[in-house]
Amino acid sequence: MKEELGKLTEQVVRGGQAVISGIKSETDKLIDEAVKLMDDKKKKTWSGYDTICLAQAPEGIVPGCIVLEGGSFRGCYTSGVLDVLMENGINLQTTIGTSAGALNGYNYVAGEIGRSAKINLGYRHDRRYIGPGSLARNRGVVGFDFLLDEIEQELPFNRERYESPDRRFLVTVTDCEKGEVIYCEKGVTKDFRKAIQASASMPFAADMVDVDGTLCLDGGCVVKVPYRWAMDNGFEKILVIRTRPAYFRRPQEGKRFMELSERFYRNYPKLVERLNTQALQYNTACDELEQLQSEGRLLMLCPSGSITVSTLEGDMEKLGALYLLGRCDATIALPKIRQYLGIEE
């Protein structure tokens, strides 16, 4: 009897262990799935996102013009540079930007330290910013309604400072009919909000934007670094923030790209001509920028390392590293920038 009871007890224990083991196995699976979901969520924002501090830049204005190159998510580099400049009271009186440079300039003029970084490193995978929501509402890959309006409910914006006539802000757009650059200015261009949208509306990835009766696209189709406007308008101090290393030159447009341009914009031959000669335009500008810097007519800050992010980069650690590179380069360059602008420490 004892032997049978012992066998029965052993069977029950074994069965219980099997049940417990099964429960533990299912629990472990659930935990693993939950951890994976948390990891996926983390990947949608930069791991250092919480270290970005929002603050207002000092009110002072420094004479001169700051020029911001475009480059889609390479603009994270510019965000890092501008945050350091603002933290150190370097707020130039005039800002001009192209594409991503226009979006960075929008927050720089308002003195919003950390805001551009918070947006690109925290909302990159938000469908309202990049994704189906933006395609449905803004007919392009970027959700400008969210980026320029609705996001203020989550990240406040100093509109009073931004709208001050003491701080000039210009963006470049491309006139699709004429294939020429248009310089739009806050307080002058009737619908300047639309101008900002057009400046960052990439060809092939967004519809043309009506800016005061003219159909426009990304200013980078014609002018990727709008330093010439600053030169032509007599600025003595011009600070140029690049999103490519100084040595970088664009390869010539390939046959497939040129054919695509001709088909996609067949009703806009002047635009096609500009799109298919972007490399020549850009490389010529890069050569001139280096010459002007050697002559002391402007100061240029370029990324000190290679840039590997793609146009719509989704790797948040890459974008975060680029932001930190901008901060690092700007911090190292601060003494030179102050000296060039005539700012005493």
C-alpha atoms as a PDB file:
ATOM      1  CA  MET A   1       0.000   0.000   0.000  1.00  0.00           C
ATOM      2  CA  LYS A   2       2.807   2.352   0.924  1.00  0.00           C
ATOM      3  CA  GLU A   3       4.595   1.532  -2.314  1.00  0.00           C
ATOM      4  CA  GLU A   4       1.455   2.301  -4.377  1.00  0.00           C
ATOM      5  CA  LEU A   5       0.889   5.530  -2.416  1.00  0.00           C
ATOM      6  CA  GLY A   6       4.509   6.501  -2.984  1.00  0.00           C
ATOM      7  CA  LYS A   7       4.204   5.843  -6.737  1.00  0.00           C
ATOM      8  CA  LEU A   8       0.969   7.844  -6.880  1.00  0.00           C
ATOM      9  CA  THR A   9       2.578  10.716  -4.985  1.00  0.00           C
ATOM     10  CA  GLU A  10       5.568  10.646  -7.309  1.00  0.00           C
ATOM     11  CA  GLN A  11       3.246  10.747 -10.343  1.00  0.00           C
ATOM     12  CA  VAL A  12       1.342  13.694  -8.904  1.00  0.00           C
ATOM     13  CA  VAL A  13       4.585  15.550  -8.169  1.00  0.00           C
ATOM     14  CA  ARG A  14       5.880  14.853 -11.636  1.00  0.00           C
ATOM     15  CA  GLY A  15       2.589  15.958 -13.125  1.00  0.00           C
ATOM     16  CA  GLY A  16       2.622  19.099 -11.026  1.00  0.00           C
ATOM     17  CA  GLN A  17       6.165  19.847 -12.074  1.00  0.00           C
ATOM     18  CA  ALA A  18       5.166  19.367 -15.691  1.00  0.00           C
ATOM     19  CA  VAL A  19       2.222  21.717 -15.260  1.00  0.00           C
ATOM     20  CA  ILE A  20       4.369  24.244 -13.438  1.00  0.00           C
ATOM     21  CA  SER A  21       7.044  23.856 -16.101  1.00  0.00           C
ATOM     22  CA  GLY A  22       4.409  24.428 -18.759  1.00  0.00           C
ATOM     23  CA  ILE A  23       3.069  27.492 -16.984  1.00  0.00           C
ATOM     24  CA  LYS A  24       6.600  28.812 -16.533  1.00  0.00           C
ATOM     25  CA  SER A  25       7.322  28.200 -20.197  1.00  0.00           C
ATOM     26  CA  GLU A  26       4.220  30.134 -21.265  1.00  0.00           C
ATOM     27  CA  THR A  27       5.016  32.873 -18.741  1.00  0.00           C
ATOM     28  CA  ASP A  28       8.556  33.129 -20.065  1.00  0.00           C
ATOM     29  CA  LYS A  29       7.186  33.444 -23.586  1.00  0.00           C
ATOM     30  CA  LEU A  30       4.860  36.244 -22.512  1.00  0.00           C
ATOM     31  CA  ILE A  31       7.702  38.005 -20.712  1.00  0.00           C
ATOM     32  CA  ASP A  32       9.974  37.622 -23.766  1.00  0.00           C
ATOM     33  CA  GLU A  33       7.253  39.045 -26.013  1.00  0.00           C
ATOM     34  CA  ALA A  34       6.688  41.956 -23.633  1.00  0.00           C
ATOM     35  CA  VAL A  35      10.424  42.674 -23.488  1.00  0.00           C
ATOM     36  CA  LYS A  36      10.591  42.519 -27.282  1.00  0.00           C
ATOM     37  CA  LEU A  37       7.716  44.983 -27.565  1.00  0.00           C
ATOM     38  CA  MET A  38       9.466  47.309 -25.105  1.00  0.00           C
ATOM     39  CA  ASP A  39      12.711  46.990 -27.059  1.00  0.00           C
ATOM     40  CA  ASP A  40      10.890  47.746 -30.323  1.00  0.00           C
ATOM     41  CA  LYS A  41       9.328  50.807 -28.700  1.00  0.00           C
ATOM     42  CA  LYS A  42      12.728  51.935 -27.465  1.00  0.00           C
ATOM     43  CA  LYS A  43      14.127  51.588 -30.975  1.00  0.00           C
ATOM     44  CA  LYS A  44      11.563  54.107 -32.144  1.00  0.00           C
ATOM     45  CA  THR A  45      13.268  56.782 -30.061  1.00  0.00           C
ATOM     46  CA  TRP A  46      16.937  57.491 -29.465  1.00  0.00           C
ATOM     47  CA  SER A  47      18.285  55.791 -26.322  1.00  0.00           C
ATOM     48  CA  GLY A  48      19.588  59.172 -25.143  1.00  0.00           C
ATOM     49  CA  TYR A  49      16.305  60.988 -25.780  1.00  0.00           C
ATOM     50  CA  ASP A  50      15.732  61.810 -22.098  1.00  0.00           C
ATOM     51  CA  THR A  51      19.088  63.609 -21.935  1.00  0.00           C
ATOM     52  CA  ILE A  52      17.884  66.290 -24.376  1.00  0.00           C
ATOM     53  CA  CYS A  53      16.948  69.333 -22.325  1.00  0.00           C
ATOM     54  CA  LEU A  54      14.384  71.840 -23.543  1.00  0.00           C
ATOM     55  CA  ALA A  55      15.251  75.456 -22.742  1.00  0.00           C
ATOM     56  CA  GLN A  56      15.005  78.989 -24.077  1.00  0.00           C
ATOM     57  CA  ALA A  57      18.037  80.692 -25.589  1.00  0.00           C
ATOM     58  CA  PRO A  58      19.133  84.088 -24.220  1.00  0.00           C
ATOM     59  CA  GLU A  59      17.369  87.074 -25.802  1.00  0.00           C
ATOM     60  CA  GLY A  60      20.482  88.763 -27.197  1.00  0.00           C
ATOM     61  CA  ILE A  61      20.972  89.121 -30.969  1.00  0.00           C
ATOM     62  CA  VAL A  62      24.352  88.790 -32.702  1.00  0.00           C
ATOM     63  CA  PRO A  63      24.858  90.688 -36.001  1.00  0.00           C
ATOM     64  CA  GLY A  64      25.338  88.426 -38.991  1.00  0.00           C
ATOM     65  CA  CYS A  65      23.688  85.661 -40.994  1.00  0.00           C
ATOM     66  CA  ILE A  66      23.635  81.942 -40.283  1.00  0.00           C
ATOM     67  CA  VAL A  67      23.210  79.692 -43.331  1.00  0.00           C
ATOM     68  CA  LEU A  68      21.789  76.184 -42.874  1.00  0.00           C
ATOM     69  CA  GLU A  69      22.299  73.450 -45.459  1.00  0.00           C
ATOM     70  CA  GLY A  70      19.528  70.927 -46.150  1.00  0.00           C
ATOM     71  CA  GLY A  71      19.880  67.166 -46.115  1.00  0.00           C
ATOM     72  CA  SER A  72      16.744  65.543 -44.659  1.00  0.00           C
ATOM     73  CA  PHE A  73      17.680  63.628 -41.475  1.00  0.00           C
ATOM     74  CA  ARG A  74      21.311  64.692 -41.793  1.00  0.00           C
ATOM     75  CA  GLY A  75      19.809  67.820 -40.262  1.00  0.00           C
ATOM     76  CA  CYS A  76      20.231  66.100 -36.872  1.00  0.00           C
ATOM     77  CA  TYR A  77      23.823  67.306 -37.109  1.00  0.00           C
ATOM     78  CA  THR A  78      22.607  70.878 -37.521  1.00  0.00           C
ATOM     79  CA  SER A  79      20.285  70.459 -34.529  1.00  0.00           C
ATOM     80  CA  GLY A  80      23.276  69.583 -32.368  1.00  0.00           C
ATOM     81  CA  VAL A  81      25.284  72.558 -33.616  1.00  0.00           C
ATOM     82  CA  LEU A  82      22.430  75.017 -33.118  1.00  0.00           C
ATOM     83  CA  ASP A  83      21.691  73.779 -29.590  1.00  0.00           C
ATOM     84  CA  VAL A  84      25.278  74.509 -28.564  1.00  0.00           C
ATOM     85  CA  LEU A  85      25.199  77.927 -30.233  1.00  0.00           C
ATOM     86  CA  MET A  86      21.940  78.848 -28.490  1.00  0.00           C
ATOM     87  CA  GLU A  87      23.180  77.583 -25.135  1.00  0.00           C
ATOM     88  CA  ASN A  88      26.099  79.970 -25.532  1.00  0.00           C
ATOM     89  CA  GLY A  89      24.028  82.974 -26.555  1.00  0.00           C
ATOM     90  CA  ILE A  90      25.022  82.891 -30.235  1.00  0.00           C
ATOM     91  CA  ASN A  91      21.724  83.891 -31.832  1.00  0.00           C
ATOM     92  CA  LEU A  92      22.410  85.492 -35.191  1.00  0.00           C
ATOM     93  CA  GLN A  93      20.091  88.236 -36.370  1.00  0.00           C
ATOM     94  CA  THR A  94      19.359  86.607 -39.733  1.00  0.00           C
ATOM     95  CA  THR A  95      18.777  82.926 -40.490  1.00  0.00           C
ATOM     96  CA  ILE A  96      18.399  81.358 -43.921  1.00  0.00           C
ATOM     97  CA  GLY A  97      17.854  77.656 -44.510  1.00  0.00           C
ATOM     98  CA  THR A  98      17.074  75.113 -47.177  1.00  0.00           C
ATOM     99  CA  SER A  99      14.891  72.043 -46.635  1.00  0.00           C
ATOM    100  CA  ALA A 100      15.949  70.465 -43.312  1.00  0.00           C
ATOM    101  CA  GLY A 101      17.872  73.685 -42.722  1.00  0.00           C
ATOM    102  CA  ALA A 102      14.587  75.585 -42.919  1.00  0.00           C
ATOM    103  CA  LEU A 103      13.032  73.300 -40.285  1.00  0.00           C
ATOM    104  CA  ASN A 104      16.040  73.674 -37.994  1.00  0.00           C
ATOM    105  CA  GLY A 105      16.013  77.417 -38.589  1.00  0.00           C
ATOM    106  CA  TYR A 106      12.359  77.564 -37.547  1.00  0.00           C
ATOM    107  CA  ASN A 107      13.295  76.449 -34.017  1.00  0.00           C
ATOM    108  CA  TYR A 108      16.561  78.412 -33.931  1.00  0.00           C
ATOM    109  CA  VAL A 109      14.784  81.718 -34.633  1.00  0.00           C
ATOM    110  CA  ALA A 110      12.367  80.939 -31.786  1.00  0.00           C
ATOM    111  CA  GLY A 111      15.291  80.211 -29.451  1.00  0.00           C
ATOM    112  CA  GLU A 112      14.031  76.692 -28.806  1.00  0.00           C
ATOM    113  CA  ILE A 113      16.995  74.733 -27.453  1.00  0.00           C
ATOM    114  CA  GLY A 114      16.515  70.983 -27.848  1.00  0.00           C
ATOM    115  CA  ARG A 115      13.196  71.174 -29.720  1.00  0.00           C
ATOM    116  CA  SER A 116      14.437  70.096 -33.167  1.00  0.00           C
ATOM    117  CA  ALA A 117      16.330  67.222 -31.564  1.00  0.00           C
ATOM    118  CA  LYS A 118      13.286  66.170 -29.538  1.00  0.00           C
ATOM    119  CA  ILE A 119      11.212  66.059 -32.714  1.00  0.00           C
ATOM    120  CA  ASN A 120      13.611  64.089 -34.910  1.00  0.00           C
ATOM    121  CA  LEU A 121      14.916  61.762 -32.202  1.00  0.00           C
ATOM    122  CA  GLY A 122      11.567  61.157 -30.537  1.00  0.00           C
ATOM    123  CA  TYR A 123       8.965  61.356 -33.302  1.00  0.00           C
ATOM    124  CA  ARG A 124      10.774  59.903 -36.312  1.00  0.00           C
ATOM    125  CA  HIS A 125       8.562  56.782 -36.199  1.00  0.00           C
ATOM    126  CA  ASP A 126       5.374  58.622 -35.292  1.00  0.00           C
ATOM    127  CA  ARG A 127       2.934  58.133 -38.162  1.00  0.00           C
ATOM    128  CA  ARG A 128       1.760  61.704 -37.835  1.00  0.00           C
ATOM    129  CA  TYR A 129       5.289  62.870 -38.738  1.00  0.00           C
ATOM    130  CA  ILE A 130       6.612  60.273 -41.176  1.00  0.00           C
ATOM    131  CA  GLY A 131       4.168  57.667 -42.444  1.00  0.00           C
ATOM    132  CA  PRO A 132       0.587  56.978 -43.578  1.00  0.00           C
ATOM    133  CA  GLY A 133      -0.837  59.907 -41.620  1.00  0.00           C
ATOM    134  CA  SER A 134       1.401  62.378 -43.415  1.00  0.00           C
ATOM    135  CA  LEU A 135       0.708  60.838 -46.823  1.00  0.00           C
ATOM    136  CA  ALA A 136      -3.035  61.102 -46.307  1.00  0.00           C
ATOM    137  CA  ARG A 137      -3.073  64.659 -44.974  1.00  0.00           C
ATOM    138  CA  ASN A 138      -0.096  66.388 -46.618  1.00  0.00           C
ATOM    139  CA  ARG A 139       0.380  64.379 -49.826  1.00  0.00           C
ATOM    140  CA  GLY A 140       3.996  63.617 -48.949  1.00  0.00           C
ATOM    141  CA  VAL A 141       6.276  61.679 -46.631  1.00  0.00           C
ATOM    142  CA  VAL A 142       6.450  64.509 -44.053  1.00  0.00           C
ATOM    143  CA  GLY A 143       3.441  65.501 -41.963  1.00  0.00           C
ATOM    144  CA  PHE A 144       3.754  69.279 -41.943  1.00  0.00           C
ATOM    145  CA  ASP A 145       0.387  69.841 -40.240  1.00  0.00           C
ATOM    146  CA  PHE A 146       1.741  67.883 -37.305  1.00  0.00           C
ATOM    147  CA  LEU A 147       5.294  69.231 -37.501  1.00  0.00           C
ATOM    148  CA  LEU A 148       4.456  72.931 -37.725  1.00  0.00           C
ATOM    149  CA  ASP A 149       1.156  73.083 -35.839  1.00  0.00           C
ATOM    150  CA  GLU A 150      -0.210  70.159 -33.846  1.00  0.00           C
ATOM    151  CA  ILE A 151       3.063  69.178 -32.172  1.00  0.00           C
ATOM    152  CA  GLU A 152       2.952  72.444 -30.219  1.00  0.00           C
ATOM    153  CA  GLN A 153       0.466  70.697 -27.910  1.00  0.00           C
ATOM    154  CA  GLU A 154       3.299  68.349 -26.929  1.00  0.00           C
ATOM    155  CA  LEU A 155       6.373  70.530 -27.457  1.00  0.00           C
ATOM    156  CA  PRO A 156       5.542  74.222 -26.834  1.00  0.00           C
ATOM    157  CA  PHE A 157       6.894  76.821 -29.273  1.00  0.00           C
ATOM    158  CA  ASN A 158       7.854  80.438 -28.483  1.00  0.00           C
ATOM    159  CA  ARG A 159       5.794  82.064 -31.212  1.00  0.00           C
ATOM    160  CA  GLU A 160       6.212  85.569 -29.788  1.00  0.00           C
ATOM    161  CA  ARG A 161       9.984  85.395 -30.130  1.00  0.00           C
ATOM    162  CA  TYR A 162       9.742  83.689 -33.513  1.00  0.00           C
ATOM    163  CA  GLU A 163       7.496  86.406 -34.930  1.00  0.00           C
ATOM    164  CA  SER A 164       9.656  89.283 -33.683  1.00  0.00           C
ATOM    165  CA  PRO A 165      10.616  91.546 -36.626  1.00  0.00           C
ATOM    166  CA  ASP A 166      14.084  91.876 -35.062  1.00  0.00           C
ATOM    167  CA  ARG A 167      14.874  88.297 -36.103  1.00  0.00           C
ATOM    168  CA  ARG A 168      14.889  87.746 -39.865  1.00  0.00           C
ATOM    169  CA  PHE A 169      14.176  84.282 -41.197  1.00  0.00           C
ATOM    170  CA  LEU A 170      14.292  83.156 -44.818  1.00  0.00           C
ATOM    171  CA  VAL A 171      13.835  79.817 -46.562  1.00  0.00           C
ATOM    172  CA  THR A 172      14.536  78.756 -50.126  1.00  0.00           C
ATOM    173  CA  VAL A 173      11.963  77.136 -52.399  1.00  0.00           C
ATOM    174  CA  THR A 174      12.167  76.044 -56.016  1.00  0.00           C
ATOM    175  CA  ASP A 175       9.794  77.588 -58.562  1.00  0.00           C
ATOM    176  CA  CYS A 176       8.841  74.439 -60.485  1.00  0.00           C
ATOM    177  CA  GLU A 177       7.750  76.327 -63.601  1.00  0.00           C
ATOM    178  CA  LYS A 178      10.906  78.429 -63.940  1.00  0.00           C
ATOM    179  CA  GLY A 179      13.395  76.086 -62.287  1.00  0.00           C
ATOM    180  CA  GLU A 180      14.658  78.987 -60.185  1.00  0.00           C
ATOM    181  CA  VAL A 181      15.180  79.587 -56.489  1.00  0.00           C
ATOM    182  CA  ILE A 182      12.823  81.896 -54.589  1.00  0.00           C
ATOM    183  CA  TYR A 183      13.910  83.400 -51.282  1.00  0.00           C
ATOM    184  CA  CYS A 184      10.860  83.588 -49.015  1.00  0.00           C
ATOM    185  CA  GLU A 185      11.010  85.726 -45.880  1.00  0.00           C
ATOM    186  CA  LYS A 186       9.026  85.739 -42.658  1.00  0.00           C
ATOM    187  CA  GLY A 187       6.852  88.840 -42.555  1.00  0.00           C
ATOM    188  CA  VAL A 188       7.213  89.387 -46.301  1.00  0.00           C
ATOM    189  CA  THR A 189       5.980  86.206 -47.951  1.00  0.00           C
ATOM    190  CA  LYS A 190       2.210  86.150 -47.473  1.00  0.00           C
ATOM    191  CA  ASP A 191       1.945  82.452 -46.579  1.00  0.00           C
ATOM    192  CA  PHE A 192       5.325  81.831 -44.991  1.00  0.00           C
ATOM    193  CA  ARG A 193       4.160  78.657 -43.282  1.00  0.00           C
ATOM    194  CA  LYS A 194       3.551  77.188 -46.744  1.00  0.00           C
ATOM    195  CA  ALA A 195       7.004  78.387 -47.781  1.00  0.00           C
ATOM    196  CA  ILE A 196       8.584  76.376 -44.960  1.00  0.00           C
ATOM    197  CA  GLN A 197       6.589  73.336 -46.073  1.00  0.00           C
ATOM    198  CA  ALA A 198       7.637  73.797 -49.692  1.00  0.00           C
ATOM    199  CA  SER A 199      11.284  74.254 -48.724  1.00  0.00           C
ATOM    200  CA  ALA A 200      11.290  70.756 -47.200  1.00  0.00           C
ATOM    201  CA  SER A 201       9.009  69.044 -49.756  1.00  0.00           C
ATOM    202  CA  MET A 202      11.386  66.609 -51.431  1.00  0.00           C
ATOM    203  CA  PRO A 203      10.973  65.933 -55.148  1.00  0.00           C
ATOM    204  CA  PHE A 204       9.333  62.562 -55.949  1.00  0.00           C
ATOM    205  CA  ALA A 205       8.240  62.273 -52.285  1.00  0.00           C
ATOM    206  CA  ALA A 206       5.784  65.172 -51.989  1.00  0.00           C
ATOM    207  CA  ASP A 207       3.287  67.135 -54.030  1.00  0.00           C
ATOM    208  CA  MET A 208       4.139  70.638 -55.159  1.00  0.00           C
ATOM    209  CA  VAL A 209       3.112  73.333 -52.685  1.00  0.00           C
ATOM    210  CA  ASP A 210       1.333  76.536 -53.659  1.00  0.00           C
ATOM    211  CA  VAL A 211       3.288  79.442 -52.180  1.00  0.00           C
ATOM    212  CA  ASP A 212       1.561  82.734 -52.915  1.00  0.00           C
ATOM    213  CA  GLY A 213       0.330  81.446 -56.287  1.00  0.00           C
ATOM    214  CA  THR A 214       3.534  79.672 -57.360  1.00  0.00           C
ATOM    215  CA  LEU A 215       3.945  75.876 -57.379  1.00  0.00           C
ATOM    216  CA  CYS A 216       7.089  75.058 -55.431  1.00  0.00           C
ATOM    217  CA  LEU A 217       9.223  72.198 -54.180  1.00  0.00           C
ATOM    218  CA  ASP A 218      12.299  71.691 -52.019  1.00  0.00           C
ATOM    219  CA  GLY A 219      14.709  74.611 -52.275  1.00  0.00           C
ATOM    220  CA  GLY A 220      17.539  72.081 -52.480  1.00  0.00           C
ATOM    221  CA  CYS A 221      16.567  71.281 -56.063  1.00  0.00           C
ATOM    222  CA  VAL A 222      18.378  74.489 -56.976  1.00  0.00           C
ATOM    223  CA  VAL A 223      20.297  75.763 -53.930  1.00  0.00           C
ATOM    224  CA  LYS A 224      21.374  73.341 -51.218  1.00  0.00           C
ATOM    225  CA  VAL A 225      23.534  75.826 -49.290  1.00  0.00           C
ATOM    226  CA  PRO A 226      22.058  79.344 -49.643  1.00  0.00           C
ATOM    227  CA  TYR A 227      25.229  81.269 -48.765  1.00  0.00           C
ATOM    228  CA  ARG A 228      25.023  83.334 -51.962  1.00  0.00           C
ATOM    229  CA  TRP A 229      21.988  85.219 -50.670  1.00  0.00           C
ATOM    230  CA  ALA A 230      23.972  86.301 -47.610  1.00  0.00           C
ATOM    231  CA  MET A 231      26.926  87.361 -49.782  1.00  0.00           C
ATOM    232  CA  ASP A 232      24.723  89.306 -52.192  1.00  0.00           C
ATOM    233  CA  ASN A 233      22.968  91.097 -49.331  1.00  0.00           C
ATOM    234  CA  GLY A 234      26.174  92.467 -47.900  1.00  0.00           C
ATOM    235  CA  PHE A 235      26.522  90.517 -44.657  1.00  0.00           C
ATOM    236  CA  GLU A 236      30.007  90.898 -43.207  1.00  0.00           C
ATOM    237  CA  LYS A 237      29.658  87.918 -40.878  1.00  0.00           C
ATOM    238  CA  ILE A 238      28.333  84.685 -42.395  1.00  0.00           C
ATOM    239  CA  LEU A 239      28.326  81.398 -40.498  1.00  0.00           C
ATOM    240  CA  VAL A 240      27.589  78.358 -42.683  1.00  0.00           C
ATOM    241  CA  ILE A 241      26.482  75.080 -41.112  1.00  0.00           C
ATOM    242  CA  ARG A 242      26.956  72.115 -43.435  1.00  0.00           C
ATOM    243  CA  THR A 243      25.550  68.581 -43.220  1.00  0.00           C
ATOM    244  CA  ARG A 244      28.298  66.968 -45.289  1.00  0.00           C
ATOM    245  CA  PRO A 245      32.049  66.790 -44.576  1.00  0.00           C
ATOM    246  CA  ALA A 246      34.096  69.475 -46.315  1.00  0.00           C
ATOM    247  CA  TYR A 247      35.651  66.937 -48.687  1.00  0.00           C
ATOM    248  CA  PHE A 248      32.317  65.554 -49.911  1.00  0.00           C
ATOM    249  CA  ARG A 249      31.310  65.993 -53.546  1.00  0.00           C
ATOM    250  CA  ARG A 250      28.159  64.583 -55.144  1.00  0.00           C
ATOM    251  CA  PRO A 251      28.465  61.956 -57.898  1.00  0.00           C
ATOM    252  CA  GLN A 252      26.907  62.889 -61.214  1.00  0.00           C
ATOM    253  CA  GLU A 253      23.253  61.946 -61.652  1.00  0.00           C
ATOM    254  CA  GLY A 254      22.830  58.503 -63.199  1.00  0.00           C
ATOM    255  CA  LYS A 255      20.890  57.650 -66.331  1.00  0.00           C
ATOM    256  CA  ARG A 256      18.006  56.047 -64.407  1.00  0.00           C
ATOM    257  CA  PHE A 257      17.597  59.097 -62.187  1.00  0.00           C
ATOM    258  CA  MET A 258      17.581  61.423 -65.168  1.00  0.00           C
ATOM    259  CA  GLU A 259      14.991  59.310 -66.975  1.00  0.00           C
ATOM    260  CA  LEU A 260      12.830  59.235 -63.851  1.00  0.00           C
ATOM    261  CA  SER A 261      13.018  63.031 -63.548  1.00  0.00           C
ATOM    262  CA  GLU A 262      12.019  63.468 -67.170  1.00  0.00           C
ATOM    263  CA  ARG A 263       9.006  61.153 -66.795  1.00  0.00           C
ATOM    264  CA  PHE A 264       7.893  62.353 -63.366  1.00  0.00           C
ATOM    265  CA  TYR A 265       8.130  66.073 -64.146  1.00  0.00           C
ATOM    266  CA  ARG A 266       7.632  65.999 -67.901  1.00  0.00           C
ATOM    267  CA  ASN A 267       5.454  69.124 -67.720  1.00  0.00           C
ATOM    268  CA  TYR A 268       8.184  71.067 -65.914  1.00  0.00           C
ATOM    269  CA  PRO A 269      11.284  70.952 -68.171  1.00  0.00           C
ATOM    270  CA  LYS A 270      13.099  73.716 -66.266  1.00  0.00           C
ATOM    271  CA  LEU A 271      12.733  71.745 -63.036  1.00  0.00           C
ATOM    272  CA  VAL A 272      13.985  68.589 -64.761  1.00  0.00           C
ATOM    273  CA  GLU A 273      17.052  70.479 -65.977  1.00  0.00           C
ATOM    274  CA  ARG A 274      17.823  71.555 -62.408  1.00  0.00           C
ATOM    275  CA  LEU A 275      17.265  68.103 -60.935  1.00  0.00           C
ATOM    276  CA  ASN A 276      19.528  66.482 -63.495  1.00  0.00           C
ATOM    277  CA  THR A 277      22.401  68.909 -62.860  1.00  0.00           C
ATOM    278  CA  GLN A 278      22.297  68.968 -59.055  1.00  0.00           C
ATOM    279  CA  ALA A 279      25.747  67.437 -58.674  1.00  0.00           C
ATOM    280  CA  LEU A 280      27.396  70.089 -60.836  1.00  0.00           C
ATOM    281  CA  GLN A 281      25.607  72.898 -58.985  1.00  0.00           C
ATOM    282  CA  TYR A 282      26.427  71.475 -55.553  1.00  0.00           C
ATOM    283  CA  ASN A 283      30.072  70.677 -56.240  1.00  0.00           C
ATOM    284  CA  THR A 284      30.675  74.123 -57.712  1.00  0.00           C
ATOM    285  CA  ALA A 285      29.160  75.662 -54.578  1.00  0.00           C
ATOM    286  CA  CYS A 286      31.364  73.489 -52.334  1.00  0.00           C
ATOM    287  CA  ASP A 287      34.481  74.653 -54.167  1.00  0.00           C
ATOM    288  CA  GLU A 288      33.425  78.290 -53.844  1.00  0.00           C
ATOM    289  CA  LEU A 289      32.634  77.876 -50.143  1.00  0.00           C
ATOM    290  CA  GLU A 290      36.128  76.576 -49.473  1.00  0.00           C
ATOM    291  CA  GLN A 291      37.616  79.492 -51.407  1.00  0.00           C
ATOM    292  CA  LEU A 292      35.498  82.050 -49.538  1.00  0.00           C
ATOM    293  CA  GLN A 293      36.471  80.550 -46.204  1.00  0.00           C
ATOM    294  CA  SER A 294      40.157  80.667 -47.095  1.00  0.00           C
ATOM    295  CA  GLU A 295      39.682  84.380 -47.863  1.00  0.00           C
ATOM    296  CA  GLY A 296      37.997  84.959 -44.495  1.00  0.00           C
ATOM    297  CA  ARG A 297      34.710  86.032 -46.072  1.00  0.00           C
ATOM    298  CA  LEU A 298      32.710  83.398 -44.188  1.00  0.00           C
ATOM    299  CA  LEU A 299      33.163  80.690 -41.574  1.00  0.00           C
ATOM    300  CA  MET A 300      32.047  77.162 -42.302  1.00  0.00           C
ATOM    301  CA  LEU A 301      31.365  74.337 -39.851  1.00  0.00           C
ATOM    302  CA  CYS A 302      31.231  70.847 -41.373  1.00  0.00           C
ATOM    303  CA  PRO A 303      30.812  67.389 -39.829  1.00  0.00           C
ATOM    304  CA  SER A 304      34.178  66.090 -38.629  1.00  0.00           C
ATOM    305  CA  GLY A 305      33.230  62.486 -39.375  1.00  0.00           C
ATOM    306  CA  SER A 306      31.674  60.587 -42.251  1.00  0.00           C
ATOM    307  CA  ILE A 307      27.882  60.763 -42.595  1.00  0.00           C
ATOM    308  CA  THR A 308      26.172  57.422 -43.196  1.00  0.00           C
ATOM    309  CA  VAL A 309      22.504  58.246 -42.536  1.00  0.00           C
ATOM    310  CA  SER A 310      20.061  57.836 -45.406  1.00  0.00           C
ATOM    311  CA  THR A 311      17.495  60.376 -46.569  1.00  0.00           C
ATOM    312  CA  LEU A 312      14.722  58.941 -44.381  1.00  0.00           C
ATOM    313  CA  GLU A 313      16.981  57.198 -41.874  1.00  0.00           C
ATOM    314  CA  GLY A 314      15.079  55.157 -39.280  1.00  0.00           C
ATOM    315  CA  ASP A 315      17.993  53.948 -37.132  1.00  0.00           C
ATOM    316  CA  MET A 316      17.584  56.121 -34.065  1.00  0.00           C
ATOM    317  CA  GLU A 317      21.051  55.380 -32.686  1.00  0.00           C
ATOM    318  CA  LYS A 318      22.601  56.627 -35.923  1.00  0.00           C
ATOM    319  CA  LEU A 319      20.547  59.812 -35.757  1.00  0.00           C
ATOM    320  CA  GLY A 320      21.377  60.302 -32.084  1.00  0.00           C
ATOM    321  CA  ALA A 321      25.080  59.866 -32.798  1.00  0.00           C
ATOM    322  CA  LEU A 322      24.824  62.477 -35.545  1.00  0.00           C
ATOM    323  CA  TYR A 323      23.179  64.932 -33.133  1.00  0.00           C
ATOM    324  CA  LEU A 324      25.999  64.353 -30.637  1.00  0.00           C
ATOM    325  CA  LEU A 325      28.582  64.853 -33.387  1.00  0.00           C
ATOM    326  CA  GLY A 326      27.024  68.247 -34.108  1.00  0.00           C
ATOM    327  CA  ARG A 327      27.199  69.172 -30.432  1.00  0.00           C
ATOM    328  CA  CYS A 328      30.803  68.007 -30.204  1.00  0.00           C
ATOM    329  CA  ASP A 329      31.971  69.829 -33.348  1.00  0.00           C
ATOM    330  CA  ALA A 330      30.232  73.039 -32.271  1.00  0.00           C
ATOM    331  CA  THR A 331      31.711  72.890 -28.772  1.00  0.00           C
ATOM    332  CA  ILE A 332      35.221  72.480 -30.170  1.00  0.00           C
ATOM    333  CA  ALA A 333      34.644  75.284 -32.688  1.00  0.00           C
ATOM    334  CA  LEU A 334      33.158  77.751 -30.161  1.00  0.00           C
ATOM    335  CA  PRO A 335      36.351  79.785 -29.613  1.00  0.00           C
ATOM    336  CA  LYS A 336      36.827  80.164 -33.383  1.00  0.00           C
ATOM    337  CA  ILE A 337      33.161  81.069 -33.891  1.00  0.00           C
ATOM    338  CA  ARG A 338      33.252  83.655 -31.113  1.00  0.00           C
ATOM    339  CA  GLN A 339      36.428  85.183 -32.510  1.00  0.00           C
ATOM    340  CA  TYR A 340      35.011  85.327 -36.032  1.00  0.00           C
ATOM    341  CA  LEU A 341      31.768  86.958 -34.863  1.00  0.00           C
ATOM    342  CA  GLY A 342      33.565  89.340 -32.513  1.00  0.00           C
ATOM    343  CA  ILE A 343      31.932  87.958 -29.370  1.00  0.00           C
ATOM    344  CA  GLU A 344      33.812  88.305 -26.102  1.00  0.00           C
ATOM    345  CA  GLU A 345      33.721  85.309 -23.768  1.00  0.00           C
END
